[in-house]
Amino acid sequence: MCLWEEKLVLQSRCRLSEKEMPPLKSLQQEYPAIDARFLHFCTSRGIISVEDFLIHDLNELVAFAEQDPDSEDLKKGILLVLSYIDGQHQSWRNGLELLQDAERNNLVLSTGCDGIDFLLQGGLHEGQLTELVGSSSSGKTQVCLQAASNIAVKYMGTVMFLDSCNSFSAKHIAHLISPLLTTRSKEVKERSLQRAMSKILCQSVFDIFTLLHELNQLDTLLRSEVKSKEGKMHLLIIDSVSSLITPVLGGRDSNGHSLMTSAGFLLKKLANEHNLSVLVTNHTVGGERGIPKPALGESWKSIPHVRLMLSRESGSSSRKVSVLKHPSVASGVSAYFELFT
C-alpha cells in the first residue's frame, strides 16, 4: 500500500480524538527518525503540528521527499507520523455509541424558508455542514440572513456570521426579526428585538488566511466557554466561502488546494465537535452545455454533508431550491418558496 492510500485508510477508518494534536517536534523522543532534518523539511512546507500534517496533501509531500537526497529517511519519518496519528484515533464504535451520537445531534434549526426546511427535513441539522449554491441574484445571502434571524429569535442561541462580501446588514436583520416577535407591547418588543440582535455576531473576513484564523479562534472559544442551553452557539454562517477560496486556487502552486482542504476540515471539525450547524454559500460556474454547477471543483464537492442549489424563477419573486447532495433525500428533489424582503 502506498503512502497516500494508507492515509486515506486512516482517515476513513477512524476519527480524530478530541484532544489537541501536538507539535511535530514533541515526537522526537519517541520517534528518533523524526529528527532535525525531517522537522526542517516539514516546517519549510508550513507543517508545524500533527494536525497540519493530517490536512496536508500527502501526495505532494511524498513527491517533495523523493526529490531530496535523504528521501528514504524523510519517507520513513512520514510513515512514523502516520503511525502516531493512527494511535490517536478512536477505535471502532458499536451501534449503541453511534445511536447516542446521532441523538446528540438531534436539534433541527428552522431557516424560516419553507421550501428549504422541507428539503432539509425540518431545517439545518446540528453537526452538519450545509452548502447553498447559486448565482449572485439567487438569494443566497437573503436565506443566510433569514436563517440567522429565525434562529436568534426561536432558539435563543448565538449565530456567528462571517461576512466576506459586505453582505451583512444589521438594518435588514432587524427588519426580518420584527415580524417574528409576537408580543403587542412596543416596549417588550423593543427589548426582544435588542436581545435577538445581540445574539447575531458578525465578523468581516476577506481572505482565506483570516478565515482559518477566525475558525481556529472560534474552536478555542467554544472549547473554553461554559456551556449553557440558553447561550449555546447554534449556527455558523460563511457568506461566501467561494469568494475566499477561489483567489488561491489554480496556477502551479498547489498551496491553494491545501488551504481549501484545511478550511473544509476545520468547518466539519467545528460542526462535529461542538454540535454546531454550519451554513456556507458558494457561487456557480458554467458547466457542460452551459448548465450552472457549483464552483470550487471536485475536491470541495466531498466536504459538505448537504448541498442545495438555489435559483430565482424568471419574472417571479419565488425561489427554487434543489437537492444536489443529501444523506437521505434523492438528488434532484426540488421545492419553491418566497423570500421575505
C-alpha atoms as a PDB file:
ATOM      1  CA  MET A   1       0.000   0.000   0.000  1.00  0.00           C
ATOM      2  CA  CYS A   2       1.437   3.417  -0.981  1.00  0.00           C
ATOM      3  CA  LEU A   3       1.577   6.318   1.460  1.00  0.00           C
ATOM      4  CA  TRP A   4      -1.431   8.256   0.181  1.00  0.00           C
ATOM      5  CA  GLU A   5      -3.584   5.101   0.215  1.00  0.00           C
ATOM      6  CA  GLU A   6      -2.509   4.466   3.806  1.00  0.00           C
ATOM      7  CA  LYS A   7      -3.585   7.967   4.800  1.00  0.00           C
ATOM      8  CA  LEU A   8      -6.993   7.533   3.172  1.00  0.00           C
ATOM      9  CA  VAL A   9      -7.486   4.287   5.071  1.00  0.00           C
ATOM     10  CA  LEU A  10      -6.594   6.017   8.333  1.00  0.00           C
ATOM     11  CA  GLN A  11      -8.943   8.921   7.679  1.00  0.00           C
ATOM     12  CA  SER A  12     -11.901   6.762   6.630  1.00  0.00           C
ATOM     13  CA  ARG A  13     -11.445   4.164   9.342  1.00  0.00           C
ATOM     14  CA  CYS A  14     -11.215   6.470  12.321  1.00  0.00           C
ATOM     15  CA  ARG A  15     -11.880   9.982  13.543  1.00  0.00           C
ATOM     16  CA  LEU A  16      -9.593  12.291  15.495  1.00  0.00           C
ATOM     17  CA  SER A  17      -9.689  12.240  19.240  1.00  0.00           C
ATOM     18  CA  GLU A  18     -10.839  15.486  20.831  1.00  0.00           C
ATOM     19  CA  LYS A  19      -7.513  16.276  22.445  1.00  0.00           C
ATOM     20  CA  GLU A  20      -5.232  18.764  20.717  1.00  0.00           C
ATOM     21  CA  MET A  21      -2.722  17.446  18.182  1.00  0.00           C
ATOM     22  CA  PRO A  22       0.839  18.230  19.438  1.00  0.00           C
ATOM     23  CA  PRO A  23       3.747  19.899  17.600  1.00  0.00           C
ATOM     24  CA  LEU A  24       5.772  17.514  15.445  1.00  0.00           C
ATOM     25  CA  LYS A  25       8.869  18.405  17.470  1.00  0.00           C
ATOM     26  CA  SER A  26       7.355  16.761  20.545  1.00  0.00           C
ATOM     27  CA  LEU A  27       7.514  13.361  18.785  1.00  0.00           C
ATOM     28  CA  GLN A  28      11.333  13.376  18.546  1.00  0.00           C
ATOM     29  CA  GLN A  29      11.914  11.468  21.775  1.00  0.00           C
ATOM     30  CA  GLU A  30       9.506   8.667  20.873  1.00  0.00           C
ATOM     31  CA  TYR A  31      10.462   8.529  17.176  1.00  0.00           C
ATOM     32  CA  PRO A  32      14.213   9.184  16.553  1.00  0.00           C
ATOM     33  CA  ALA A  33      13.619   9.254  12.779  1.00  0.00           C
ATOM     34  CA  ILE A  34      11.683  12.487  13.318  1.00  0.00           C
ATOM     35  CA  ASP A  35      14.951  14.395  13.577  1.00  0.00           C
ATOM     36  CA  ALA A  36      16.020  17.988  12.866  1.00  0.00           C
ATOM     37  CA  ARG A  37      16.311  17.248   9.114  1.00  0.00           C
ATOM     38  CA  PHE A  38      12.764  15.901   8.943  1.00  0.00           C
ATOM     39  CA  LEU A  39      11.389  18.782  11.030  1.00  0.00           C
ATOM     40  CA  HIS A  40      13.081  21.311   8.739  1.00  0.00           C
ATOM     41  CA  PHE A  41      11.613  19.523   5.714  1.00  0.00           C
ATOM     42  CA  CYS A  42       8.104  19.784   7.227  1.00  0.00           C
ATOM     43  CA  THR A  43       8.444  23.340   8.554  1.00  0.00           C
ATOM     44  CA  SER A  44       9.563  24.611   5.127  1.00  0.00           C
ATOM     45  CA  ARG A  45       6.175  23.452   3.835  1.00  0.00           C
ATOM     46  CA  GLY A  46       4.126  25.021   6.624  1.00  0.00           C
ATOM     47  CA  ILE A  47       3.743  21.802   8.628  1.00  0.00           C
ATOM     48  CA  ILE A  48       4.338  22.549  12.299  1.00  0.00           C
ATOM     49  CA  SER A  49       1.893  20.310  14.153  1.00  0.00           C
ATOM     50  CA  VAL A  50       0.476  16.826  13.694  1.00  0.00           C
ATOM     51  CA  GLU A  51      -2.816  18.433  12.685  1.00  0.00           C
ATOM     52  CA  ASP A  52      -1.025  20.397   9.929  1.00  0.00           C
ATOM     53  CA  PHE A  53       0.394  17.086   8.731  1.00  0.00           C
ATOM     54  CA  LEU A  54      -3.021  15.429   8.724  1.00  0.00           C
ATOM     55  CA  ILE A  55      -4.653  18.025   6.466  1.00  0.00           C
ATOM     56  CA  HIS A  56      -1.681  18.424   4.114  1.00  0.00           C
ATOM     57  CA  ASP A  57      -1.691  16.935   0.611  1.00  0.00           C
ATOM     58  CA  LEU A  58       0.285  13.749   1.297  1.00  0.00           C
ATOM     59  CA  ASN A  59       0.881  13.012  -2.387  1.00  0.00           C
ATOM     60  CA  GLU A  60       2.613  16.364  -2.682  1.00  0.00           C
ATOM     61  CA  LEU A  61       4.644  15.785   0.488  1.00  0.00           C
ATOM     62  CA  VAL A  62       5.914  12.395  -0.690  1.00  0.00           C
ATOM     63  CA  ALA A  63       6.793  13.863  -4.099  1.00  0.00           C
ATOM     64  CA  PHE A  64       8.929  16.543  -2.424  1.00  0.00           C
ATOM     65  CA  ALA A  65      10.580  13.926  -0.208  1.00  0.00           C
ATOM     66  CA  GLU A  66      11.532  11.807  -3.227  1.00  0.00           C
ATOM     67  CA  GLN A  67      13.429  14.750  -4.707  1.00  0.00           C
ATOM     68  CA  ASP A  68      15.611  15.028  -1.602  1.00  0.00           C
ATOM     69  CA  PRO A  69      18.964  13.204  -1.196  1.00  0.00           C
ATOM     70  CA  ASP A  70      17.674  11.862   2.156  1.00  0.00           C
ATOM     71  CA  SER A  71      14.396  10.700   0.616  1.00  0.00           C
ATOM     72  CA  GLU A  72      14.309   7.317   2.338  1.00  0.00           C
ATOM     73  CA  ASP A  73      14.768   8.849   5.800  1.00  0.00           C
ATOM     74  CA  LEU A  74      12.128  11.500   5.048  1.00  0.00           C
ATOM     75  CA  LYS A  75       9.616   8.901   3.864  1.00  0.00           C
ATOM     76  CA  LYS A  76      10.316   6.859   6.982  1.00  0.00           C
ATOM     77  CA  GLY A  77       9.513   9.943   9.066  1.00  0.00           C
ATOM     78  CA  ILE A  78       6.241  10.392   7.169  1.00  0.00           C
ATOM     79  CA  LEU A  79       5.256   6.798   7.937  1.00  0.00           C
ATOM     80  CA  LEU A  80       6.071   7.290  11.620  1.00  0.00           C
ATOM     81  CA  VAL A  81       3.849  10.379  11.845  1.00  0.00           C
ATOM     82  CA  LEU A  82       1.054   8.405  10.167  1.00  0.00           C
ATOM     83  CA  SER A  83       1.584   5.668  12.749  1.00  0.00           C
ATOM     84  CA  TYR A  84       1.282   8.226  15.549  1.00  0.00           C
ATOM     85  CA  ILE A  85      -1.932   9.645  14.047  1.00  0.00           C
ATOM     86  CA  ASP A  86      -3.369   6.142  13.834  1.00  0.00           C
ATOM     87  CA  GLY A  87      -2.724   5.670  17.544  1.00  0.00           C
ATOM     88  CA  GLN A  88      -4.556   8.886  18.383  1.00  0.00           C
ATOM     89  CA  HIS A  89      -7.765   7.911  16.639  1.00  0.00           C
ATOM     90  CA  GLN A  90     -10.702   6.467  18.464  1.00  0.00           C
ATOM     91  CA  SER A  91     -11.372   2.811  17.852  1.00  0.00           C
ATOM     92  CA  TRP A  92     -14.382   1.450  16.022  1.00  0.00           C
ATOM     93  CA  ARG A  93     -17.650   2.392  17.739  1.00  0.00           C
ATOM     94  CA  ASN A  94     -20.523  -0.001  18.268  1.00  0.00           C
ATOM     95  CA  GLY A  95     -24.115   0.570  17.200  1.00  0.00           C
ATOM     96  CA  LEU A  96     -25.215   1.919  20.595  1.00  0.00           C
ATOM     97  CA  GLU A  97     -22.440   4.530  20.586  1.00  0.00           C
ATOM     98  CA  LEU A  98     -23.371   5.575  17.049  1.00  0.00           C
ATOM     99  CA  LEU A  99     -27.039   5.860  18.059  1.00  0.00           C
ATOM    100  CA  GLN A 100     -26.135   8.000  21.072  1.00  0.00           C
ATOM    101  CA  ASP A 101     -24.011  10.213  18.828  1.00  0.00           C
ATOM    102  CA  ALA A 102     -26.921  10.619  16.391  1.00  0.00           C
ATOM    103  CA  GLU A 103     -29.283  11.503  19.239  1.00  0.00           C
ATOM    104  CA  ARG A 104     -26.811  14.122  20.481  1.00  0.00           C
ATOM    105  CA  ASN A 105     -27.203  15.920  17.153  1.00  0.00           C
ATOM    106  CA  ASN A 106     -30.984  15.961  17.350  1.00  0.00           C
ATOM    107  CA  LEU A 107     -31.726  19.679  17.165  1.00  0.00           C
ATOM    108  CA  VAL A 108     -33.032  20.788  13.778  1.00  0.00           C
ATOM    109  CA  LEU A 109     -32.992  24.554  13.191  1.00  0.00           C
ATOM    110  CA  SER A 110     -35.706  26.044  11.016  1.00  0.00           C
ATOM    111  CA  THR A 111     -34.344  28.549   8.488  1.00  0.00           C
ATOM    112  CA  GLY A 112     -37.680  30.323   8.176  1.00  0.00           C
ATOM    113  CA  CYS A 113     -37.752  29.411   4.455  1.00  0.00           C
ATOM    114  CA  ASP A 114     -40.426  26.745   3.995  1.00  0.00           C
ATOM    115  CA  GLY A 115     -39.016  25.188   0.822  1.00  0.00           C
ATOM    116  CA  ILE A 116     -35.537  24.812   2.274  1.00  0.00           C
ATOM    117  CA  ASP A 117     -36.863  23.435   5.571  1.00  0.00           C
ATOM    118  CA  PHE A 118     -38.928  20.910   3.609  1.00  0.00           C
ATOM    119  CA  LEU A 119     -35.907  19.594   1.690  1.00  0.00           C
ATOM    120  CA  LEU A 120     -33.751  19.561   4.831  1.00  0.00           C
ATOM    121  CA  GLN A 121     -36.412  17.567   6.705  1.00  0.00           C
ATOM    122  CA  GLY A 122     -37.138  20.364   9.144  1.00  0.00           C
ATOM    123  CA  GLY A 123     -34.172  22.674   8.730  1.00  0.00           C
ATOM    124  CA  LEU A 124     -30.431  22.865   9.346  1.00  0.00           C
ATOM    125  CA  HIS A 125     -29.163  19.907  11.379  1.00  0.00           C
ATOM    126  CA  GLU A 126     -26.627  20.446  14.117  1.00  0.00           C
ATOM    127  CA  GLY A 127     -23.413  18.573  13.445  1.00  0.00           C
ATOM    128  CA  GLN A 128     -23.734  19.078   9.681  1.00  0.00           C
ATOM    129  CA  LEU A 129     -22.162  21.369   7.089  1.00  0.00           C
ATOM    130  CA  THR A 130     -24.751  22.628   4.586  1.00  0.00           C
ATOM    131  CA  GLU A 131     -23.779  24.413   1.374  1.00  0.00           C
ATOM    132  CA  LEU A 132     -26.104  26.759  -0.503  1.00  0.00           C
ATOM    133  CA  VAL A 133     -25.091  27.164  -4.151  1.00  0.00           C
ATOM    134  CA  GLY A 134     -26.442  29.804  -6.517  1.00  0.00           C
ATOM    135  CA  SER A 135     -25.795  32.755  -8.795  1.00  0.00           C
ATOM    136  CA  SER A 136     -25.346  36.283  -7.489  1.00  0.00           C
ATOM    137  CA  SER A 137     -29.072  37.047  -7.840  1.00  0.00           C
ATOM    138  CA  SER A 138     -30.439  33.782  -6.468  1.00  0.00           C
ATOM    139  CA  GLY A 139     -30.935  34.966  -2.872  1.00  0.00           C
ATOM    140  CA  LYS A 140     -28.187  33.078  -1.005  1.00  0.00           C
ATOM    141  CA  THR A 141     -27.389  35.991   1.298  1.00  0.00           C
ATOM    142  CA  GLN A 142     -31.068  36.610   1.948  1.00  0.00           C
ATOM    143  CA  VAL A 143     -31.509  32.980   3.035  1.00  0.00           C
ATOM    144  CA  CYS A 144     -28.496  33.349   5.367  1.00  0.00           C
ATOM    145  CA  LEU A 145     -29.918  36.494   6.950  1.00  0.00           C
ATOM    146  CA  GLN A 146     -33.349  34.890   7.264  1.00  0.00           C
ATOM    147  CA  ALA A 147     -31.859  31.794   8.923  1.00  0.00           C
ATOM    148  CA  ALA A 148     -29.802  33.921  11.334  1.00  0.00           C
ATOM    149  CA  SER A 149     -32.875  35.953  12.312  1.00  0.00           C
ATOM    150  CA  ASN A 150     -35.115  32.932  12.744  1.00  0.00           C
ATOM    151  CA  ILE A 151     -32.623  31.022  14.885  1.00  0.00           C
ATOM    152  CA  ALA A 152     -31.779  34.026  17.092  1.00  0.00           C
ATOM    153  CA  VAL A 153     -35.493  34.510  17.880  1.00  0.00           C
ATOM    154  CA  LYS A 154     -36.883  30.968  18.021  1.00  0.00           C
ATOM    155  CA  TYR A 155     -33.939  29.135  19.572  1.00  0.00           C
ATOM    156  CA  MET A 156     -32.375  31.982  21.579  1.00  0.00           C
ATOM    157  CA  GLY A 157     -28.945  30.761  20.549  1.00  0.00           C
ATOM    158  CA  THR A 158     -25.928  32.592  19.185  1.00  0.00           C
ATOM    159  CA  VAL A 159     -25.257  32.901  15.444  1.00  0.00           C
ATOM    160  CA  MET A 160     -21.788  33.735  14.075  1.00  0.00           C
ATOM    161  CA  PHE A 161     -21.871  35.388  10.635  1.00  0.00           C
ATOM    162  CA  LEU A 162     -18.505  35.520   8.793  1.00  0.00           C
ATOM    163  CA  ASP A 163     -19.020  38.066   6.032  1.00  0.00           C
ATOM    164  CA  SER A 164     -16.665  38.045   3.039  1.00  0.00           C
ATOM    165  CA  CYS A 165     -18.819  40.113   0.662  1.00  0.00           C
ATOM    166  CA  ASN A 166     -20.023  43.054   2.763  1.00  0.00           C
ATOM    167  CA  SER A 167     -23.402  41.349   2.619  1.00  0.00           C
ATOM    168  CA  PHE A 168     -24.385  41.601   6.282  1.00  0.00           C
ATOM    169  CA  SER A 169     -26.953  44.307   7.066  1.00  0.00           C
ATOM    170  CA  ALA A 170     -27.981  44.991  10.662  1.00  0.00           C
ATOM    171  CA  LYS A 171     -30.967  47.028   9.452  1.00  0.00           C
ATOM    172  CA  HIS A 172     -32.159  44.178   7.285  1.00  0.00           C
ATOM    173  CA  ILE A 173     -31.717  41.726  10.167  1.00  0.00           C
ATOM    174  CA  ALA A 174     -33.873  43.971  12.373  1.00  0.00           C
ATOM    175  CA  HIS A 175     -36.474  44.134   9.578  1.00  0.00           C
ATOM    176  CA  LEU A 176     -36.547  40.325   9.388  1.00  0.00           C
ATOM    177  CA  ILE A 177     -36.712  39.834  13.165  1.00  0.00           C
ATOM    178  CA  SER A 178     -39.597  42.242  13.838  1.00  0.00           C
ATOM    179  CA  PRO A 179     -42.370  40.074  12.283  1.00  0.00           C
ATOM    180  CA  LEU A 180     -41.141  37.097  14.331  1.00  0.00           C
ATOM    181  CA  LEU A 181     -41.840  38.904  17.621  1.00  0.00           C
ATOM    182  CA  THR A 182     -45.477  38.226  18.549  1.00  0.00           C
ATOM    183  CA  THR A 183     -45.833  40.488  21.573  1.00  0.00           C
ATOM    184  CA  ARG A 184     -48.133  43.512  21.200  1.00  0.00           C
ATOM    185  CA  SER A 185     -46.291  45.648  23.754  1.00  0.00           C
ATOM    186  CA  LYS A 186     -43.988  48.105  21.985  1.00  0.00           C
ATOM    187  CA  GLU A 187     -41.615  48.201  24.965  1.00  0.00           C
ATOM    188  CA  VAL A 188     -41.387  44.418  25.279  1.00  0.00           C
ATOM    189  CA  LYS A 189     -40.983  44.067  21.518  1.00  0.00           C
ATOM    190  CA  GLU A 190     -38.097  46.529  21.518  1.00  0.00           C
ATOM    191  CA  ARG A 191     -36.312  44.608  24.297  1.00  0.00           C
ATOM    192  CA  SER A 192     -36.895  41.322  22.473  1.00  0.00           C
ATOM    193  CA  LEU A 193     -35.521  42.821  19.260  1.00  0.00           C
ATOM    194  CA  GLN A 194     -32.391  44.029  21.036  1.00  0.00           C
ATOM    195  CA  ARG A 195     -31.894  40.649  22.712  1.00  0.00           C
ATOM    196  CA  ALA A 196     -32.238  38.796  19.402  1.00  0.00           C
ATOM    197  CA  MET A 197     -29.935  41.242  17.600  1.00  0.00           C
ATOM    198  CA  SER A 198     -27.289  40.808  20.307  1.00  0.00           C
ATOM    199  CA  LYS A 199     -27.184  37.068  19.588  1.00  0.00           C
ATOM    200  CA  ILE A 200     -26.103  37.568  15.961  1.00  0.00           C
ATOM    201  CA  LEU A 201     -22.359  38.218  15.825  1.00  0.00           C
ATOM    202  CA  CYS A 202     -20.728  39.450  12.609  1.00  0.00           C
ATOM    203  CA  GLN A 203     -17.069  39.465  11.587  1.00  0.00           C
ATOM    204  CA  SER A 204     -15.700  40.649   8.236  1.00  0.00           C
ATOM    205  CA  VAL A 205     -13.355  38.135   6.597  1.00  0.00           C
ATOM    206  CA  PHE A 206     -11.704  38.996   3.281  1.00  0.00           C
ATOM    207  CA  ASP A 207      -9.105  36.256   2.675  1.00  0.00           C
ATOM    208  CA  ILE A 208      -8.587  32.562   3.358  1.00  0.00           C
ATOM    209  CA  PHE A 209      -5.892  33.187   5.977  1.00  0.00           C
ATOM    210  CA  THR A 210      -8.197  35.370   8.064  1.00  0.00           C
ATOM    211  CA  LEU A 211     -10.899  32.726   7.712  1.00  0.00           C
ATOM    212  CA  LEU A 212      -8.600  29.982   9.035  1.00  0.00           C
ATOM    213  CA  HIS A 213      -7.573  32.256  11.920  1.00  0.00           C
ATOM    214  CA  GLU A 214     -11.210  33.014  12.809  1.00  0.00           C
ATOM    215  CA  LEU A 215     -12.188  29.336  12.666  1.00  0.00           C
ATOM    216  CA  ASN A 216      -9.338  28.372  14.987  1.00  0.00           C
ATOM    217  CA  GLN A 217     -10.273  31.202  17.354  1.00  0.00           C
ATOM    218  CA  LEU A 218     -13.883  30.038  17.347  1.00  0.00           C
ATOM    219  CA  ASP A 219     -12.801  26.477  18.108  1.00  0.00           C
ATOM    220  CA  THR A 220     -10.783  27.727  21.099  1.00  0.00           C
ATOM    221  CA  LEU A 221     -13.687  29.865  22.308  1.00  0.00           C
ATOM    222  CA  LEU A 222     -16.207  27.034  22.087  1.00  0.00           C
ATOM    223  CA  ARG A 223     -13.864  24.695  23.965  1.00  0.00           C
ATOM    224  CA  SER A 224     -13.312  27.140  26.812  1.00  0.00           C
ATOM    225  CA  GLU A 225     -16.751  28.653  27.326  1.00  0.00           C
ATOM    226  CA  VAL A 226     -19.111  27.317  29.977  1.00  0.00           C
ATOM    227  CA  LYS A 227     -21.881  25.506  28.150  1.00  0.00           C
ATOM    228  CA  SER A 228     -25.401  26.697  28.852  1.00  0.00           C
ATOM    229  CA  LYS A 229     -28.524  25.854  26.916  1.00  0.00           C
ATOM    230  CA  GLU A 230     -29.530  29.474  26.509  1.00  0.00           C
ATOM    231  CA  GLY A 231     -26.117  30.719  25.486  1.00  0.00           C
ATOM    232  CA  LYS A 232     -25.186  27.921  23.075  1.00  0.00           C
ATOM    233  CA  MET A 233     -23.909  28.818  19.625  1.00  0.00           C
ATOM    234  CA  HIS A 234     -26.241  27.112  17.177  1.00  0.00           C
ATOM    235  CA  LEU A 235     -25.168  28.350  13.763  1.00  0.00           C
ATOM    236  CA  LEU A 236     -22.034  29.436  11.901  1.00  0.00           C
ATOM    237  CA  ILE A 237     -22.593  31.168   8.548  1.00  0.00           C
ATOM    238  CA  ILE A 238     -19.926  31.949   5.936  1.00  0.00           C
ATOM    239  CA  ASP A 239     -21.139  34.146   3.081  1.00  0.00           C
ATOM    240  CA  SER A 240     -19.379  33.339   0.868  1.00  0.00           C
ATOM    241  CA  VAL A 241     -16.805  30.595   1.213  1.00  0.00           C
ATOM    242  CA  SER A 242     -16.069  30.533  -2.533  1.00  0.00           C
ATOM    243  CA  SER A 243     -15.043  34.212  -2.619  1.00  0.00           C
ATOM    244  CA  LEU A 244     -12.341  33.382  -0.053  1.00  0.00           C
ATOM    245  CA  ILE A 245     -11.070  30.162  -1.641  1.00  0.00           C
ATOM    246  CA  THR A 246     -11.255  30.915  -5.390  1.00  0.00           C
ATOM    247  CA  PRO A 247      -8.414  33.516  -5.348  1.00  0.00           C
ATOM    248  CA  VAL A 248      -5.898  30.966  -4.017  1.00  0.00           C
ATOM    249  CA  LEU A 249      -6.818  28.154  -6.420  1.00  0.00           C
ATOM    250  CA  GLY A 250      -5.231  27.492  -9.794  1.00  0.00           C
ATOM    251  CA  GLY A 251      -1.765  28.001 -11.166  1.00  0.00           C
ATOM    252  CA  ARG A 252       1.257  25.839 -10.492  1.00  0.00           C
ATOM    253  CA  ASP A 253       1.261  26.443  -6.750  1.00  0.00           C
ATOM    254  CA  SER A 254      -0.769  23.722  -5.019  1.00  0.00           C
ATOM    255  CA  ASN A 255      -0.910  25.580  -1.688  1.00  0.00           C
ATOM    256  CA  GLY A 256      -4.391  26.822  -2.593  1.00  0.00           C
ATOM    257  CA  HIS A 257      -5.718  23.274  -2.633  1.00  0.00           C
ATOM    258  CA  SER A 258      -4.191  22.629   0.787  1.00  0.00           C
ATOM    259  CA  LEU A 259      -5.721  25.836   2.162  1.00  0.00           C
ATOM    260  CA  MET A 260      -9.137  24.803   0.827  1.00  0.00           C
ATOM    261  CA  THR A 261      -8.765  21.371   2.414  1.00  0.00           C
ATOM    262  CA  SER A 262      -7.755  22.987   5.715  1.00  0.00           C
ATOM    263  CA  ALA A 263     -10.839  25.225   5.691  1.00  0.00           C
ATOM    264  CA  GLY A 264     -13.125  22.275   4.953  1.00  0.00           C
ATOM    265  CA  PHE A 265     -11.518  20.187   7.679  1.00  0.00           C
ATOM    266  CA  LEU A 266     -11.946  22.955  10.267  1.00  0.00           C
ATOM    267  CA  LEU A 267     -15.585  23.581   9.340  1.00  0.00           C
ATOM    268  CA  LYS A 268     -16.501  19.899   9.695  1.00  0.00           C
ATOM    269  CA  LYS A 269     -14.492  19.692  12.907  1.00  0.00           C
ATOM    270  CA  LEU A 270     -16.434  22.632  14.378  1.00  0.00           C
ATOM    271  CA  ALA A 271     -19.756  21.102  13.329  1.00  0.00           C
ATOM    272  CA  ASN A 272     -18.930  17.688  14.775  1.00  0.00           C
ATOM    273  CA  GLU A 273     -17.097  18.548  17.992  1.00  0.00           C
ATOM    274  CA  HIS A 274     -19.301  21.471  19.047  1.00  0.00           C
ATOM    275  CA  ASN A 275     -22.626  20.174  17.766  1.00  0.00           C
ATOM    276  CA  LEU A 276     -22.859  23.233  15.554  1.00  0.00           C
ATOM    277  CA  SER A 277     -24.782  23.765  12.330  1.00  0.00           C
ATOM    278  CA  VAL A 278     -22.610  25.299   9.603  1.00  0.00           C
ATOM    279  CA  LEU A 279     -24.090  27.064   6.569  1.00  0.00           C
ATOM    280  CA  VAL A 280     -21.839  28.265   3.734  1.00  0.00           C
ATOM    281  CA  THR A 281     -22.614  29.822   0.373  1.00  0.00           C
ATOM    282  CA  ASN A 282     -20.919  29.050  -2.923  1.00  0.00           C
ATOM    283  CA  HIS A 283     -21.293  30.656  -6.352  1.00  0.00           C
ATOM    284  CA  THR A 284     -21.844  28.881  -9.675  1.00  0.00           C
ATOM    285  CA  VAL A 285     -19.695  28.498 -12.775  1.00  0.00           C
ATOM    286  CA  GLY A 286     -20.535  27.291 -16.264  1.00  0.00           C
ATOM    287  CA  GLY A 287     -20.753  23.530 -16.645  1.00  0.00           C
ATOM    288  CA  GLU A 288     -21.490  21.184 -19.541  1.00  0.00           C
ATOM    289  CA  ARG A 289     -23.886  22.649 -22.130  1.00  0.00           C
ATOM    290  CA  GLY A 290     -23.858  25.893 -20.162  1.00  0.00           C
ATOM    291  CA  ILE A 291     -25.657  24.400 -17.166  1.00  0.00           C
ATOM    292  CA  PRO A 292     -24.515  26.126 -13.943  1.00  0.00           C
ATOM    293  CA  LYS A 293     -22.590  24.000 -11.456  1.00  0.00           C
ATOM    294  CA  PRO A 294     -21.024  24.700  -8.030  1.00  0.00           C
ATOM    295  CA  ALA A 295     -17.638  26.408  -8.002  1.00  0.00           C
ATOM    296  CA  LEU A 296     -14.523  25.072  -6.206  1.00  0.00           C
ATOM    297  CA  GLY A 297     -14.363  21.801  -8.159  1.00  0.00           C
ATOM    298  CA  GLU A 298     -14.389  18.132  -7.307  1.00  0.00           C
ATOM    299  CA  SER A 299     -12.132  18.341  -4.248  1.00  0.00           C
ATOM    300  CA  TRP A 300     -14.576  20.598  -2.404  1.00  0.00           C
ATOM    301  CA  LYS A 301     -17.570  18.538  -3.534  1.00  0.00           C
ATOM    302  CA  SER A 302     -16.980  15.870  -0.885  1.00  0.00           C
ATOM    303  CA  ILE A 303     -16.744  18.329   2.030  1.00  0.00           C
ATOM    304  CA  PRO A 304     -20.364  19.486   2.663  1.00  0.00           C
ATOM    305  CA  HIS A 305     -22.799  16.951   4.120  1.00  0.00           C
ATOM    306  CA  VAL A 306     -25.638  18.671   2.247  1.00  0.00           C
ATOM    307  CA  ARG A 307     -25.591  20.721  -0.976  1.00  0.00           C
ATOM    308  CA  LEU A 308     -28.557  22.736  -2.231  1.00  0.00           C
ATOM    309  CA  MET A 309     -28.870  24.677  -5.494  1.00  0.00           C
ATOM    310  CA  LEU A 310     -30.837  27.926  -5.266  1.00  0.00           C
ATOM    311  CA  SER A 311     -32.246  29.772  -8.292  1.00  0.00           C
ATOM    312  CA  ARG A 312     -34.678  32.570  -8.971  1.00  0.00           C
ATOM    313  CA  GLU A 313     -37.705  31.903 -11.114  1.00  0.00           C
ATOM    314  CA  SER A 314     -37.742  34.170 -14.187  1.00  0.00           C
ATOM    315  CA  GLY A 315     -40.255  37.000 -13.811  1.00  0.00           C
ATOM    316  CA  SER A 316     -41.197  35.884 -10.303  1.00  0.00           C
ATOM    317  CA  SER A 317     -40.183  36.622  -6.730  1.00  0.00           C
ATOM    318  CA  SER A 318     -40.226  32.923  -5.835  1.00  0.00           C
ATOM    319  CA  ARG A 319     -37.102  30.790  -5.499  1.00  0.00           C
ATOM    320  CA  LYS A 320     -36.456  27.201  -6.484  1.00  0.00           C
ATOM    321  CA  VAL A 321     -34.206  25.064  -4.316  1.00  0.00           C
ATOM    322  CA  SER A 322     -32.981  21.637  -5.429  1.00  0.00           C
ATOM    323  CA  VAL A 323     -31.014  18.885  -3.718  1.00  0.00           C
ATOM    324  CA  LEU A 324     -27.529  18.267  -5.118  1.00  0.00           C
ATOM    325  CA  LYS A 325     -26.382  16.090  -2.216  1.00  0.00           C
ATOM    326  CA  HIS A 326     -28.159  14.850   0.912  1.00  0.00           C
ATOM    327  CA  PRO A 327     -27.674  11.771   3.110  1.00  0.00           C
ATOM    328  CA  SER A 328     -31.358  10.787   2.924  1.00  0.00           C
ATOM    329  CA  VAL A 329     -33.026  12.836   0.153  1.00  0.00           C
ATOM    330  CA  ALA A 330     -32.636  11.957  -3.529  1.00  0.00           C
ATOM    331  CA  SER A 331     -30.694  14.356  -5.743  1.00  0.00           C
ATOM    332  CA  GLY A 332     -32.927  16.485  -7.949  1.00  0.00           C
ATOM    333  CA  VAL A 333     -35.818  16.813  -5.489  1.00  0.00           C
ATOM    334  CA  SER A 334     -36.997  20.445  -5.566  1.00  0.00           C
ATOM    335  CA  ALA A 335     -39.223  22.893  -3.709  1.00  0.00           C
ATOM    336  CA  TYR A 336     -40.362  26.504  -4.130  1.00  0.00           C
ATOM    337  CA  PHE A 337     -40.607  29.306  -1.580  1.00  0.00           C
ATOM    338  CA  GLU A 338     -40.863  33.068  -1.221  1.00  0.00           C
ATOM    339  CA  LEU A 339     -38.162  35.182   0.400  1.00  0.00           C
ATOM    340  CA  PHE A 340     -39.124  37.967   2.777  1.00  0.00           C
ATOM    341  CA  THR A 341     -37.749  41.341   1.671  1.00  0.00           C
END
